[in-house]
């Protein structure tokens, strides 16, 4: 065989082997999103976690939520995942005063802590303050509108 044919066969063999090999990555969980909402005076975090393969021996077992120096580890059971490979958990923070910053991360029993944490402010939800603000804006809009109508009638 000529040298060129040998090189071509070697090159094709390498290409064939590379195409058959599938890369292998550690399946570290990621905190994809956190939605903060208020209900009944408590603040809740709706946490979306990505973790590709949840089995009885490979799953996310802890969601960790940190407010300043206070850290809460929340133990969870294995999730039954669809092809989307994400799951949601809801964490009840309780009443919140001020606007603290929270950090959320997830732990896999085989691969450790999440590669992507979520960090963001947790607003203080005060229903009465919100309703009062809306009422003041509504009254201001009504006064402004009636003032324009009166002014338009006086100067046709």
N, C-alpha and C. Protein backbone atom coordinates (compact mmCIF):
# COMPACT_ATOMS: atom_id res chain seq x y z
N UNK A 1 0.84 -1.18 0.00
CA UNK A 1 0.00 0.00 0.00
C UNK A 1 0.88 1.23 0.00
N UNK A 2 0.37 2.20 -0.71
CA UNK A 2 1.15 3.44 -0.77
C UNK A 2 0.98 4.22 0.53
N UNK A 3 1.88 5.13 0.76
CA UNK A 3 1.87 5.94 1.97
C UNK A 3 0.61 6.80 2.02
N UNK A 4 0.15 7.30 0.89
CA UNK A 4 -1.04 8.15 0.83
C UNK A 4 -2.28 7.36 1.25
N UNK A 5 -2.40 6.12 0.80
CA UNK A 5 -3.55 5.29 1.15
C UNK A 5 -3.55 5.00 2.65
N UNK A 6 -2.38 4.73 3.23
CA UNK A 6 -2.28 4.48 4.66
C UNK A 6 -2.71 5.71 5.47
N UNK A 7 -2.27 6.88 5.06
CA UNK A 7 -2.63 8.11 5.75
C UNK A 7 -4.14 8.36 5.64
N UNK A 8 -4.70 8.11 4.46
CA UNK A 8 -6.14 8.29 4.27
C UNK A 8 -6.92 7.31 5.14
N UNK A 9 -6.47 6.05 5.22
CA UNK A 9 -7.15 5.05 6.05
C UNK A 9 -7.06 5.42 7.54
N UNK A 10 -5.89 5.91 7.95
CA UNK A 10 -5.71 6.33 9.33
C UNK A 10 -6.64 7.51 9.65
N UNK A 11 -6.70 8.47 8.73
CA UNK A 11 -7.57 9.64 8.91
C UNK A 11 -9.04 9.24 8.98
N UNK A 12 -9.48 8.37 8.10
CA UNK A 12 -10.86 7.89 8.12
C UNK A 12 -11.16 7.10 9.39
N UNK A 13 -10.21 6.31 9.85
CA UNK A 13 -10.39 5.55 11.09
C UNK A 13 -10.56 6.50 12.28
N UNK A 14 -9.76 7.54 12.32
CA UNK A 14 -9.85 8.51 13.41
C UNK A 14 -11.19 9.23 13.35
N UNK A 15 -11.61 9.68 12.16
CA UNK A 15 -12.91 10.34 12.02
C UNK A 15 -14.05 9.43 12.43
N UNK A 16 -13.98 8.17 12.03
CA UNK A 16 -15.01 7.21 12.38
C UNK A 16 -15.08 7.02 13.89
N UNK A 17 -13.91 6.88 14.53
CA UNK A 17 -13.87 6.68 15.98
C UNK A 17 -14.39 7.91 16.72
N UNK A 18 -14.06 9.09 16.24
CA UNK A 18 -14.51 10.32 16.89
C UNK A 18 -16.03 10.45 16.78
N UNK A 19 -16.60 10.08 15.62
CA UNK A 19 -18.05 10.17 15.44
C UNK A 19 -18.80 9.18 16.32
N UNK A 20 -18.20 8.04 16.63
CA UNK A 20 -18.86 7.05 17.47
C UNK A 20 -18.75 7.37 18.95
N UNK A 21 -17.73 8.10 19.33
CA UNK A 21 -17.52 8.41 20.76
C UNK A 21 -18.47 9.52 21.19
N UNK A 22 -19.19 9.28 22.25
CA UNK A 22 -20.07 10.30 22.84
C UNK A 22 -19.37 10.93 24.03
N UNK A 23 -19.38 12.25 24.09
CA UNK A 23 -18.74 12.89 25.23
C UNK A 23 -19.49 12.57 26.52
N UNK A 24 -18.75 12.54 27.61
CA UNK A 24 -19.35 12.25 28.91
C UNK A 24 -19.10 13.44 29.82
N UNK A 25 -20.17 13.99 30.37
CA UNK A 25 -20.08 15.14 31.26
C UNK A 25 -20.69 14.79 32.60
N UNK A 26 -20.13 15.34 33.65
CA UNK A 26 -20.74 15.17 34.97
C UNK A 26 -22.08 15.89 34.97
N UNK A 27 -23.04 15.28 35.58
CA UNK A 27 -24.39 15.83 35.59
C UNK A 27 -24.60 16.66 36.85
N UNK A 28 -23.98 17.83 36.87
CA UNK A 28 -24.08 18.73 38.01
C UNK A 28 -25.38 19.51 37.89
N UNK A 29 -26.16 19.62 38.96
CA UNK A 29 -27.43 20.36 38.87
C UNK A 29 -27.20 21.86 38.67
N UNK A 30 -28.21 22.51 38.09
CA UNK A 30 -28.18 23.97 37.89
C UNK A 30 -29.49 24.54 38.39
N UNK A 31 -29.40 25.64 39.14
CA UNK A 31 -30.60 26.37 39.52
C UNK A 31 -30.90 27.30 38.34
N UNK A 32 -31.93 26.96 37.58
CA UNK A 32 -32.25 27.68 36.35
C UNK A 32 -32.95 29.01 36.61
N UNK A 33 -33.87 29.02 37.58
CA UNK A 33 -34.68 30.21 37.79
C UNK A 33 -35.30 30.16 39.18
N UNK A 34 -35.58 31.33 39.71
CA UNK A 34 -36.32 31.44 40.97
C UNK A 34 -37.34 32.55 40.80
N UNK A 35 -38.60 32.22 41.03
CA UNK A 35 -39.68 33.21 40.97
C UNK A 35 -40.14 33.47 42.39
N UNK A 36 -40.14 34.74 42.77
CA UNK A 36 -40.53 35.13 44.13
C UNK A 36 -41.97 35.62 44.08
N UNK A 37 -42.80 35.11 44.98
CA UNK A 37 -44.18 35.58 45.06
C UNK A 37 -44.66 35.56 46.51
N UNK A 38 -45.77 36.28 46.75
CA UNK A 38 -46.32 36.40 48.09
C UNK A 38 -47.73 35.82 48.10
N UNK A 39 -48.05 35.15 49.20
CA UNK A 39 -49.39 34.61 49.37
C UNK A 39 -49.68 34.50 50.85
N UNK A 40 -50.78 35.10 51.28
CA UNK A 40 -51.21 35.01 52.66
C UNK A 40 -50.21 35.53 53.67
N UNK A 41 -49.45 36.55 53.31
CA UNK A 41 -48.48 37.14 54.24
C UNK A 41 -47.13 36.46 54.24
N UNK A 42 -46.96 35.36 53.52
CA UNK A 42 -45.67 34.67 53.43
C UNK A 42 -45.08 34.88 52.05
N UNK A 43 -43.76 34.84 51.99
CA UNK A 43 -43.04 34.94 50.73
C UNK A 43 -42.58 33.54 50.33
N UNK A 44 -42.76 33.21 49.07
CA UNK A 44 -42.40 31.89 48.55
C UNK A 44 -41.38 32.03 47.42
N UNK A 45 -40.49 31.05 47.32
CA UNK A 45 -39.56 30.94 46.20
C UNK A 45 -39.96 29.72 45.39
N UNK A 46 -40.31 29.91 44.12
CA UNK A 46 -40.58 28.79 43.22
C UNK A 46 -39.27 28.54 42.47
N UNK A 47 -38.58 27.47 42.81
CA UNK A 47 -37.22 27.20 42.35
C UNK A 47 -37.26 26.17 41.23
N UNK A 48 -36.66 26.49 40.08
CA UNK A 48 -36.55 25.57 38.95
C UNK A 48 -35.12 25.05 38.89
N UNK A 49 -34.97 23.72 38.97
CA UNK A 49 -33.66 23.08 38.99
C UNK A 49 -33.54 22.17 37.77
N UNK A 50 -32.38 22.23 37.09
CA UNK A 50 -32.08 21.29 36.00
C UNK A 50 -31.17 20.20 36.55
N UNK A 51 -31.53 18.95 36.30
CA UNK A 51 -30.67 17.81 36.61
C UNK A 51 -31.10 16.68 35.69
N UNK A 52 -30.21 16.25 34.82
CA UNK A 52 -30.57 15.39 33.71
C UNK A 52 -31.11 14.03 34.11
N UNK A 53 -30.42 13.31 34.95
CA UNK A 53 -30.85 11.94 35.24
C UNK A 53 -31.12 11.78 36.73
N UNK A 54 -32.38 11.64 37.07
CA UNK A 54 -32.76 11.41 38.46
C UNK A 54 -33.11 9.93 38.61
N UNK A 55 -32.31 9.23 39.39
CA UNK A 55 -32.60 7.83 39.72
C UNK A 55 -32.50 7.69 41.23
N UNK A 56 -32.77 6.51 41.73
CA UNK A 56 -32.70 6.31 43.18
C UNK A 56 -31.28 6.41 43.71
N UNK A 57 -30.28 6.32 42.83
CA UNK A 57 -28.89 6.43 43.27
C UNK A 57 -28.20 7.68 42.73
N UNK A 58 -28.93 8.54 42.01
CA UNK A 58 -28.33 9.75 41.42
C UNK A 58 -29.41 10.81 41.33
N UNK A 59 -29.43 11.71 42.32
CA UNK A 59 -30.50 12.71 42.35
C UNK A 59 -30.06 13.93 43.16
N UNK A 60 -30.84 15.00 43.03
CA UNK A 60 -30.65 16.20 43.84
C UNK A 60 -31.28 15.93 45.20
N UNK A 61 -30.48 16.05 46.25
CA UNK A 61 -30.99 15.74 47.59
C UNK A 61 -31.15 16.96 48.49
N UNK A 62 -30.49 18.07 48.15
CA UNK A 62 -30.57 19.26 49.00
C UNK A 62 -30.74 20.51 48.13
N UNK A 63 -31.66 21.37 48.53
CA UNK A 63 -31.75 22.73 48.00
C UNK A 63 -31.32 23.62 49.16
N UNK A 64 -30.34 24.46 48.91
CA UNK A 64 -29.83 25.34 49.96
C UNK A 64 -30.25 26.77 49.67
N UNK A 65 -30.88 27.42 50.66
CA UNK A 65 -31.31 28.81 50.54
C UNK A 65 -30.58 29.61 51.60
N UNK A 66 -29.91 30.68 51.18
CA UNK A 66 -29.14 31.52 52.10
C UNK A 66 -29.65 32.95 52.05
N UNK A 67 -29.96 33.50 53.23
CA UNK A 67 -30.30 34.91 53.41
C UNK A 67 -29.23 35.49 54.32
N UNK A 68 -28.33 36.30 53.77
CA UNK A 68 -27.25 36.88 54.59
C UNK A 68 -26.42 35.78 55.21
N UNK A 69 -26.44 35.69 56.55
CA UNK A 69 -25.67 34.66 57.24
C UNK A 69 -26.51 33.44 57.61
N UNK A 70 -27.81 33.49 57.32
CA UNK A 70 -28.70 32.36 57.64
C UNK A 70 -28.82 31.42 56.44
N UNK A 71 -28.43 30.18 56.63
CA UNK A 71 -28.51 29.17 55.58
C UNK A 71 -29.45 28.05 56.01
N UNK A 72 -30.36 27.67 55.12
CA UNK A 72 -31.27 26.57 55.36
C UNK A 72 -31.05 25.50 54.30
N UNK A 73 -30.73 24.29 54.74
CA UNK A 73 -30.63 23.15 53.82
C UNK A 73 -31.97 22.43 53.85
N UNK A 74 -32.54 22.28 52.67
CA UNK A 74 -33.85 21.68 52.53
C UNK A 74 -33.69 20.34 51.83
N UNK A 75 -33.88 19.23 52.56
CA UNK A 75 -33.73 17.90 51.99
C UNK A 75 -34.95 17.54 51.15
N UNK A 76 -34.70 17.04 49.93
CA UNK A 76 -35.79 16.66 49.04
C UNK A 76 -35.59 15.22 48.56
N UNK A 77 -36.67 14.61 48.13
CA UNK A 77 -36.63 13.24 47.62
C UNK A 77 -36.33 13.27 46.12
N UNK A 78 -35.91 12.13 45.55
CA UNK A 78 -35.69 12.07 44.10
C UNK A 78 -36.96 12.47 43.34
N UNK A 79 -36.76 13.21 42.25
CA UNK A 79 -37.88 13.66 41.43
C UNK A 79 -38.04 12.74 40.22
N UNK A 80 -39.26 12.56 39.78
CA UNK A 80 -39.52 11.84 38.54
C UNK A 80 -39.49 12.88 37.43
N UNK A 81 -38.50 12.77 36.55
CA UNK A 81 -38.30 13.80 35.54
C UNK A 81 -38.78 13.35 34.17
N UNK A 82 -39.32 14.31 33.45
CA UNK A 82 -39.68 14.07 32.05
C UNK A 82 -38.43 14.32 31.21
N UNK A 83 -38.59 14.35 29.92
CA UNK A 83 -37.45 14.61 29.04
C UNK A 83 -36.90 16.02 29.23
N UNK A 84 -37.69 16.92 29.81
CA UNK A 84 -37.23 18.29 30.01
C UNK A 84 -36.11 18.37 31.03
N UNK A 85 -35.99 17.40 31.93
CA UNK A 85 -34.92 17.33 32.92
C UNK A 85 -34.91 18.48 33.91
N UNK A 86 -36.04 19.12 34.13
CA UNK A 86 -36.12 20.16 35.14
C UNK A 86 -37.26 19.83 36.09
N UNK A 87 -37.14 20.34 37.30
CA UNK A 87 -38.23 20.19 38.25
C UNK A 87 -38.35 21.47 39.07
N UNK A 88 -39.53 21.67 39.65
CA UNK A 88 -39.80 22.85 40.46
C UNK A 88 -40.08 22.43 41.89
N UNK A 89 -39.55 23.20 42.82
CA UNK A 89 -39.88 23.04 44.22
C UNK A 89 -40.24 24.41 44.77
N UNK A 90 -41.13 24.45 45.73
CA UNK A 90 -41.55 25.72 46.32
C UNK A 90 -41.07 25.76 47.76
N UNK A 91 -40.39 26.85 48.09
CA UNK A 91 -39.83 27.04 49.42
C UNK A 91 -40.54 28.20 50.10
N UNK A 92 -41.10 27.95 51.29
CA UNK A 92 -41.80 28.98 52.06
C UNK A 92 -40.79 29.71 52.93
N UNK A 93 -40.52 30.97 52.56
CA UNK A 93 -39.57 31.79 53.30
C UNK A 93 -40.21 32.33 54.57
N UNK A 94 -41.53 32.55 54.53
CA UNK A 94 -42.22 33.19 55.63
C UNK A 94 -42.29 34.68 55.39
N UNK A 95 -42.67 35.47 56.39
CA UNK A 95 -42.72 36.92 56.21
C UNK A 95 -41.31 37.49 56.02
N UNK A 96 -41.19 38.45 55.12
CA UNK A 96 -39.89 39.06 54.83
C UNK A 96 -39.96 40.54 55.14
N UNK A 97 -38.96 41.04 55.85
CA UNK A 97 -38.86 42.48 56.14
C UNK A 97 -37.69 43.04 55.36
N UNK A 98 -37.89 44.20 54.73
CA UNK A 98 -36.82 44.80 53.93
C UNK A 98 -36.69 44.11 52.60
N UNK A 99 -35.51 44.20 52.00
CA UNK A 99 -35.23 43.56 50.71
C UNK A 99 -33.95 42.74 50.80
N UNK A 100 -33.97 41.62 51.52
CA UNK A 100 -32.75 40.82 51.64
C UNK A 100 -32.40 40.15 50.31
N UNK A 101 -31.13 39.81 50.15
CA UNK A 101 -30.68 39.06 48.98
C UNK A 101 -30.58 37.60 49.36
N UNK A 102 -31.07 36.75 48.49
CA UNK A 102 -31.03 35.30 48.73
C UNK A 102 -30.16 34.64 47.68
N UNK A 103 -29.55 33.53 48.07
CA UNK A 103 -28.79 32.69 47.14
C UNK A 103 -29.37 31.28 47.25
N UNK A 104 -29.58 30.65 46.08
CA UNK A 104 -30.15 29.30 46.05
C UNK A 104 -29.21 28.41 45.25
N UNK A 105 -28.93 27.22 45.79
CA UNK A 105 -28.12 26.25 45.04
C UNK A 105 -28.64 24.84 45.32
N UNK A 106 -28.23 23.89 44.48
CA UNK A 106 -28.72 22.51 44.58
C UNK A 106 -27.54 21.55 44.67
N UNK A 107 -27.75 20.42 45.36
CA UNK A 107 -26.69 19.43 45.54
C UNK A 107 -27.12 18.08 44.97
N UNK A 108 -26.25 17.48 44.14
CA UNK A 108 -26.44 16.13 43.61
C UNK A 108 -25.65 15.18 44.50
N UNK A 109 -26.22 14.02 44.85
CA UNK A 109 -25.53 13.10 45.75
C UNK A 109 -24.26 12.50 45.14
N UNK A 110 -24.13 12.56 43.79
CA UNK A 110 -22.93 12.02 43.15
C UNK A 110 -21.96 13.11 42.70
N UNK A 111 -22.47 14.25 42.24
CA UNK A 111 -21.60 15.25 41.62
C UNK A 111 -21.44 16.55 42.39
N UNK A 112 -22.11 16.67 43.53
CA UNK A 112 -21.88 17.83 44.38
C UNK A 112 -22.79 19.01 44.07
N UNK A 113 -22.34 20.18 44.51
CA UNK A 113 -23.15 21.40 44.43
C UNK A 113 -23.28 21.93 43.02
N UNK A 114 -24.36 22.65 42.78
CA UNK A 114 -24.69 23.17 41.46
C UNK A 114 -23.60 24.08 40.92
N UNK A 115 -23.47 24.02 39.61
CA UNK A 115 -22.49 24.87 38.94
C UNK A 115 -23.04 26.27 38.74
N UNK A 116 -24.33 26.41 38.83
CA UNK A 116 -24.99 27.71 38.61
C UNK A 116 -25.94 27.96 39.77
N UNK A 117 -25.64 28.99 40.54
CA UNK A 117 -26.50 29.36 41.66
C UNK A 117 -27.37 30.53 41.24
N UNK A 118 -28.47 30.70 41.93
CA UNK A 118 -29.32 31.86 41.71
C UNK A 118 -29.13 32.81 42.88
N UNK A 119 -29.02 34.08 42.57
CA UNK A 119 -28.91 35.08 43.61
C UNK A 119 -29.74 36.29 43.20
N UNK A 120 -30.53 36.80 44.14
CA UNK A 120 -31.35 37.95 43.81
C UNK A 120 -32.06 38.50 45.03
N UNK A 121 -32.63 39.69 44.88
CA UNK A 121 -33.34 40.30 46.00
C UNK A 121 -34.70 39.64 46.23
N UNK A 122 -35.11 39.59 47.48
CA UNK A 122 -36.42 39.09 47.86
C UNK A 122 -37.20 40.30 48.37
N UNK A 123 -38.13 40.83 47.58
CA UNK A 123 -38.82 42.05 48.00
C UNK A 123 -39.77 41.79 49.16
N UNK A 124 -39.98 42.85 49.92
CA UNK A 124 -40.95 42.79 51.01
C UNK A 124 -42.31 43.07 50.41
N UNK A 125 -43.22 42.13 50.52
CA UNK A 125 -44.56 42.31 50.00
C UNK A 125 -45.46 42.79 51.13
N UNK A 126 -45.97 43.99 50.98
CA UNK A 126 -46.90 44.50 51.97
C UNK A 126 -48.19 44.84 51.24
N UNK A 127 -49.18 44.00 51.38
CA UNK A 127 -50.42 44.13 50.65
C UNK A 127 -51.10 45.46 50.89
N UNK A 128 -51.15 45.91 52.13
CA UNK A 128 -51.83 47.18 52.43
C UNK A 128 -51.12 48.36 51.77
N UNK A 129 -49.80 48.36 51.78
CA UNK A 129 -49.05 49.44 51.15
C UNK A 129 -49.31 49.44 49.64
N UNK A 130 -49.33 48.27 49.04
CA UNK A 130 -49.59 48.16 47.62
C UNK A 130 -51.00 48.65 47.28
N UNK A 131 -51.99 48.22 48.03
CA UNK A 131 -53.37 48.66 47.79
C UNK A 131 -53.53 50.16 48.00
N UNK A 132 -52.89 50.70 49.02
CA UNK A 132 -52.95 52.14 49.28
C UNK A 132 -52.31 52.92 48.14
N UNK A 133 -51.19 52.44 47.64
CA UNK A 133 -50.52 53.11 46.50
C UNK A 133 -51.41 53.10 45.26
N UNK A 134 -52.05 51.97 44.98
CA UNK A 134 -52.96 51.89 43.84
C UNK A 134 -54.15 52.82 44.01
N UNK A 135 -54.69 52.91 45.23
CA UNK A 135 -55.81 53.80 45.50
C UNK A 135 -55.42 55.26 45.29
N UNK A 136 -54.25 55.65 45.75
CA UNK A 136 -53.77 57.02 45.56
C UNK A 136 -53.60 57.33 44.08
N UNK A 137 -53.04 56.40 43.32
CA UNK A 137 -52.88 56.63 41.88
C UNK A 137 -54.23 56.74 41.18
N UNK A 138 -55.20 55.93 41.59
CA UNK A 138 -56.54 55.98 41.01
C UNK A 138 -57.20 57.32 41.30
N UNK A 139 -57.12 57.78 42.53
CA UNK A 139 -57.71 59.07 42.90
C UNK A 139 -57.03 60.20 42.13
N UNK A 140 -55.72 60.16 42.00
CA UNK A 140 -55.00 61.19 41.25
C UNK A 140 -55.44 61.19 39.78
N UNK A 141 -55.62 60.00 39.20
CA UNK A 141 -56.06 59.92 37.80
C UNK A 141 -57.47 60.49 37.64
N UNK A 142 -58.37 60.20 38.58
CA UNK A 142 -59.74 60.73 38.52
C UNK A 142 -59.73 62.24 38.64
N UNK A 143 -58.94 62.79 39.58
CA UNK A 143 -58.87 64.24 39.76
C UNK A 143 -58.30 64.90 38.51
N UNK A 144 -57.24 64.33 37.96
CA UNK A 144 -56.63 64.89 36.76
C UNK A 144 -57.62 64.88 35.60
N UNK A 145 -58.33 63.79 35.43
CA UNK A 145 -59.30 63.65 34.34
C UNK A 145 -60.45 64.65 34.52
N UNK A 146 -60.99 64.77 35.73
CA UNK A 146 -62.10 65.70 35.95
C UNK A 146 -61.65 67.15 35.80
N UNK A 147 -60.42 67.46 36.18
CA UNK A 147 -59.88 68.81 36.01
C UNK A 147 -59.77 69.15 34.52
N UNK A 148 -59.36 68.19 33.71
CA UNK A 148 -59.26 68.43 32.26
C UNK A 148 -60.64 68.65 31.65
N UNK A 149 -61.65 67.88 32.11
CA UNK A 149 -63.00 68.05 31.59
C UNK A 149 -63.57 69.41 31.96
N UNK A 150 -63.36 69.85 33.20
CA UNK A 150 -63.84 71.16 33.64
C UNK A 150 -63.15 72.26 32.85
N UNK A 151 -61.84 72.13 32.64
CA UNK A 151 -61.07 73.12 31.90
C UNK A 151 -61.52 73.17 30.44
N UNK A 152 -61.83 72.03 29.86
CA UNK A 152 -62.28 71.98 28.46
C UNK A 152 -63.66 72.64 28.31
N UNK A 153 -64.55 72.51 29.28
CA UNK A 153 -65.88 73.12 29.23
C UNK A 153 -65.80 74.63 29.37
N UNK A 154 -64.83 75.12 30.15
CA UNK A 154 -64.70 76.56 30.36
C UNK A 154 -64.08 77.25 29.17
N UNK A 155 -63.21 76.56 28.42
CA UNK A 155 -62.52 77.15 27.27
C UNK A 155 -62.77 76.31 26.02
N UNK A 156 -63.92 76.48 25.40
CA UNK A 156 -64.25 75.65 24.22
C UNK A 156 -63.42 75.98 23.00
